[in-house]
Amino acid sequence: MKNLKLHSYWRSSASWRARIALNWKGLPFEYLAVHLLKDGGQQHSDAYRAVNPMGRVPTLEWTEADGQARKLSESMAILEYLEERVPSPALLPGDAYLRAKTRMLAEMVNAGMQPLQNTSVTLRIKTELKADEKAWAAHWNVHGLTALEAAVQETAGRYCVGDAVSFADVLLIPQLYGARRFGVDLKPYPTLLRIEAACNELPAFQAAQPDRQPDAQPV
């Protein structure tokens, strides 16, 4: 994999996941900013739709050794691909059951929380349905984090699954950031907060933080 390029938005939780994984695997990449709000959302432009027809971030582009250009979108697909291509340092446990549990915990975020607070969803709730988009997002964060706090009890060590970083941690950290944005009280989730603190000590996670990205905006 050469000439890695990541189409990303600084505050996108899905983009954040890809940044963590790339950093964890020691893969340098060019950051291509896609502003999700400017100009009606740059992800909707014809130029970006040609890269990713879904009009979402992240998208990872690279060149193979034989010169073939490739691209991949959807954060979980990117994580799985990076894990296969660069298996060490790992983001999945060696044990089959624990790998499945890791993916389960990750999907609780990926399928059960993040899509419900996606920018496209909250904008529709606010502008077309004239409802409180922050209350909507907060509700689903509370629902999901309550379940995740309970689910992680079986496997938690220093991180979500034992003492090694995994997909579950990669998805957890951006989700907690999002929950704070929507005013969620995180005190009921002490295990998740402890894991977050441990992850935030790691350089790969630190470098992926939103405020460290080239397109970061004041909040």
Protein backbone atom coordinates (compact mmCIF):
# COMPACT_ATOMS: atom_id res chain seq x y z
CA MET A 1 0.00 0.00 0.00
CA LYS A 2 1.51 3.28 -1.18
CA ASN A 3 0.35 6.90 -1.36
CA LEU A 4 -2.35 6.48 1.25
CA LYS A 5 -4.94 9.25 1.21
CA LEU A 6 -7.78 9.62 3.69
CA HIS A 7 -10.82 11.73 2.85
CA SER A 8 -11.83 12.87 6.31
CA TYR A 9 -13.68 15.48 8.34
CA TRP A 10 -12.11 16.47 11.63
CA ARG A 11 -15.20 15.85 13.76
CA SER A 12 -16.58 12.82 11.90
CA SER A 13 -16.52 9.85 14.26
CA ALA A 14 -16.25 7.40 11.37
CA SER A 15 -13.24 9.28 9.96
CA TRP A 16 -11.75 9.36 13.44
CA ARG A 17 -11.88 5.55 13.59
CA ALA A 18 -9.90 5.29 10.36
CA ARG A 19 -7.33 7.78 11.62
CA ILE A 20 -6.78 5.76 14.80
CA ALA A 21 -6.36 2.53 12.85
CA LEU A 22 -3.92 4.06 10.36
CA ASN A 23 -1.89 5.56 13.20
CA TRP A 24 -1.98 2.27 15.13
CA LYS A 25 -0.69 0.36 12.12
CA GLY A 26 2.06 2.93 11.55
CA LEU A 27 0.75 3.89 8.10
CA PRO A 28 1.42 7.51 7.13
CA PHE A 29 -1.33 9.10 5.05
CA GLU A 30 -2.28 12.31 3.31
CA TYR A 31 -5.26 14.03 4.89
CA LEU A 32 -7.88 15.26 2.39
CA ALA A 33 -10.46 17.41 4.16
CA VAL A 34 -14.12 17.08 3.22
CA HIS A 35 -16.18 19.73 5.02
CA LEU A 36 -19.56 18.23 5.88
CA LEU A 37 -21.30 21.60 6.34
CA LYS A 38 -19.58 24.11 4.03
CA ASP A 39 -21.21 24.78 0.65
CA GLY A 40 -24.15 22.57 1.60
CA GLY A 41 -21.76 19.75 2.43
CA GLN A 42 -18.72 19.09 0.26
CA GLN A 43 -19.46 15.36 0.49
CA HIS A 44 -22.37 15.98 -1.90
CA SER A 45 -20.21 17.48 -4.64
CA ASP A 46 -19.88 15.68 -7.95
CA ALA A 47 -16.13 15.42 -7.41
CA TYR A 48 -16.48 13.62 -4.10
CA ARG A 49 -19.42 11.49 -5.25
CA ALA A 50 -17.09 10.17 -7.94
CA VAL A 51 -14.84 8.96 -5.11
CA ASN A 52 -17.61 7.73 -2.83
CA PRO A 53 -21.13 7.47 -4.31
CA MET A 54 -22.65 7.44 -0.81
CA GLY A 55 -21.26 10.92 -0.22
CA ARG A 56 -19.87 10.12 3.21
CA VAL A 57 -16.52 10.05 4.95
CA PRO A 58 -14.13 8.41 5.35
CA THR A 59 -12.79 7.11 2.08
CA LEU A 60 -9.32 5.60 1.91
CA GLU A 61 -7.39 5.67 -1.36
CA TRP A 62 -4.04 4.05 -2.13
CA THR A 63 -1.85 2.56 -4.84
CA GLU A 64 -0.79 -1.06 -4.90
CA ALA A 65 2.77 -2.14 -5.68
CA ASP A 66 1.71 -2.95 -9.26
CA GLY A 67 0.37 0.58 -9.72
CA GLN A 68 -3.31 -0.31 -9.36
CA ALA A 69 -5.35 2.47 -7.75
CA ARG A 70 -7.83 1.38 -5.11
CA LYS A 71 -10.31 2.98 -2.77
CA LEU A 72 -12.44 1.80 0.11
CA SER A 73 -15.16 3.50 2.13
CA GLU A 74 -17.16 2.63 5.26
CA SER A 75 -15.06 2.72 8.40
CA MET A 76 -15.57 -0.90 9.47
CA ALA A 77 -14.54 -2.15 6.03
CA ILE A 78 -11.44 0.04 6.24
CA LEU A 79 -10.58 -1.32 9.69
CA GLU A 80 -11.06 -4.92 8.57
CA TYR A 81 -8.92 -4.38 5.47
CA LEU A 82 -6.11 -2.72 7.40
CA GLU A 83 -6.17 -5.57 9.92
CA GLU A 84 -5.75 -8.11 7.12
CA ARG A 85 -3.07 -6.20 5.25
CA VAL A 86 -1.10 -5.09 8.32
CA PRO A 87 -1.90 -7.68 11.02
CA SER A 88 0.62 -6.34 13.54
CA PRO A 89 0.11 -4.50 15.76
CA ALA A 90 -3.26 -6.21 15.91
CA LEU A 91 -6.68 -4.68 16.50
CA LEU A 92 -8.45 -8.04 16.85
CA PRO A 93 -7.78 -10.76 19.46
CA GLY A 94 -6.42 -14.15 18.46
CA ASP A 95 -9.27 -16.07 20.10
CA ALA A 96 -12.29 -16.62 17.83
CA TYR A 97 -14.87 -15.88 20.54
CA LEU A 98 -13.10 -12.70 21.61
CA ARG A 99 -12.82 -11.58 17.99
CA ALA A 100 -16.58 -12.01 17.67
CA LYS A 101 -17.16 -10.15 20.95
CA THR A 102 -14.91 -7.34 19.75
CA ARG A 103 -16.92 -7.00 16.56
CA MET A 104 -20.15 -7.15 18.57
CA LEU A 105 -19.05 -4.27 20.80
CA ALA A 106 -17.90 -2.31 17.77
CA GLU A 107 -21.21 -2.84 15.99
CA MET A 108 -23.15 -1.64 19.02
CA VAL A 109 -21.58 1.72 18.22
CA ASN A 110 -21.38 1.42 14.45
CA ALA A 111 -24.95 0.21 13.91
CA GLY A 112 -26.75 1.14 17.12
CA MET A 113 -25.58 4.66 17.93
CA GLN A 114 -23.53 6.54 15.37
CA PRO A 115 -25.95 6.35 12.41
CA LEU A 116 -28.68 7.91 14.53
CA GLN A 117 -26.54 10.98 15.23
CA ASN A 118 -25.11 11.24 11.73
CA THR A 119 -25.00 14.77 10.32
CA SER A 120 -27.45 13.90 7.54
CA VAL A 121 -29.92 12.53 10.09
CA THR A 122 -29.70 15.40 12.57
CA LEU A 123 -29.96 18.01 9.80
CA ARG A 124 -33.15 16.41 8.50
CA ILE A 125 -34.63 16.26 12.00
CA LYS A 126 -33.80 19.93 12.56
CA THR A 127 -34.62 21.50 9.20
CA GLU A 128 -37.37 19.30 7.80
CA LEU A 129 -39.04 17.77 10.81
CA LYS A 130 -38.54 20.89 12.99
CA ALA A 131 -37.61 18.75 15.99
CA ASP A 132 -34.83 18.90 18.57
CA GLU A 133 -31.95 17.10 16.90
CA LYS A 134 -29.72 17.25 19.99
CA ALA A 135 -32.37 15.63 22.18
CA TRP A 136 -32.80 12.93 19.53
CA ALA A 137 -29.07 12.21 19.38
CA ALA A 138 -28.70 12.30 23.15
CA HIS A 139 -31.52 9.77 23.58
CA TRP A 140 -29.84 7.23 21.31
CA ASN A 141 -26.46 7.80 22.88
CA VAL A 142 -27.86 7.11 26.34
CA HIS A 143 -29.64 4.01 25.06
CA GLY A 144 -26.52 2.66 23.38
CA LEU A 145 -23.96 3.60 26.02
CA THR A 146 -26.08 2.05 28.77
CA ALA A 147 -26.08 -1.21 26.82
CA LEU A 148 -22.38 -0.95 26.01
CA GLU A 149 -21.42 -0.34 29.65
CA ALA A 150 -23.22 -3.56 30.56
CA ALA A 151 -21.92 -5.56 27.61
CA VAL A 152 -18.28 -4.68 28.15
CA GLN A 153 -18.22 -6.04 31.70
CA GLU A 154 -17.51 -9.59 30.51
CA THR A 155 -14.34 -8.73 28.62
CA ALA A 156 -13.01 -5.44 29.97
CA GLY A 157 -9.43 -5.22 31.16
CA ARG A 158 -7.42 -2.09 30.58
CA TYR A 159 -9.38 -1.81 27.33
CA CYS A 160 -12.73 -3.09 26.08
CA VAL A 161 -11.42 -6.61 25.42
CA GLY A 162 -8.69 -7.45 27.89
CA ASP A 163 -5.43 -5.54 27.93
CA ALA A 164 -4.97 -5.09 24.20
CA VAL A 165 -6.45 -2.34 22.04
CA SER A 166 -9.13 -3.54 19.62
CA PHE A 167 -11.79 -2.37 17.18
CA ALA A 168 -14.09 -1.88 20.18
CA ASP A 169 -11.81 0.82 21.61
CA VAL A 170 -11.34 2.43 18.21
CA LEU A 171 -15.10 2.92 17.96
CA LEU A 172 -15.69 3.79 21.61
CA ILE A 173 -13.48 6.86 21.81
CA PRO A 174 -15.13 8.89 19.02
CA GLN A 175 -18.57 7.89 20.30
CA LEU A 176 -17.92 9.29 23.75
CA TYR A 177 -16.81 12.55 22.15
CA GLY A 178 -20.06 12.65 20.22
CA ALA A 179 -22.09 11.94 23.34
CA ARG A 180 -20.48 14.92 25.09
CA ARG A 181 -21.35 17.14 22.12
CA PHE A 182 -25.00 16.26 22.64
CA GLY A 183 -24.91 16.95 26.38
CA VAL A 184 -25.02 13.34 27.60
CA ASP A 185 -24.04 12.80 31.24
CA LEU A 186 -21.33 10.15 31.12
CA LYS A 187 -21.03 9.50 34.85
CA PRO A 188 -23.24 6.35 34.59
CA TYR A 189 -20.55 4.73 32.40
CA PRO A 190 -17.46 4.40 34.64
CA THR A 191 -16.01 1.42 32.79
CA LEU A 192 -16.21 3.18 29.45
CA LEU A 193 -14.65 6.33 30.90
CA ARG A 194 -11.80 4.33 32.42
CA ILE A 195 -11.13 2.68 29.07
CA GLU A 196 -11.27 6.06 27.34
CA ALA A 197 -8.64 7.45 29.70
CA ALA A 198 -6.36 4.48 28.98
CA CYS A 199 -6.76 4.86 25.22
CA ASN A 200 -6.08 8.58 25.34
CA GLU A 201 -2.63 7.87 26.77
CA LEU A 202 -1.64 6.18 23.50
CA PRO A 203 0.05 8.21 20.73
CA ALA A 204 -2.06 6.64 17.97
CA PHE A 205 -5.23 7.84 19.68
CA GLN A 206 -3.78 11.24 20.56
CA ALA A 207 -2.78 11.96 16.96
CA ALA A 208 -6.29 11.10 15.74
CA GLN A 209 -8.06 13.59 18.03
CA PRO A 210 -10.30 16.04 16.16
CA ASP A 211 -8.53 19.18 17.37
CA ARG A 212 -5.24 17.87 15.94
CA GLN A 213 -6.54 17.59 12.39
CA PRO A 214 -5.65 20.18 9.73
CA ASP A 215 -9.29 21.13 9.15
CA ALA A 216 -10.18 21.47 12.85
CA GLN A 217 -12.48 24.37 13.70
CA PRO A 218 -12.89 26.26 16.98
CA VAL A 219 -15.71 24.87 19.12
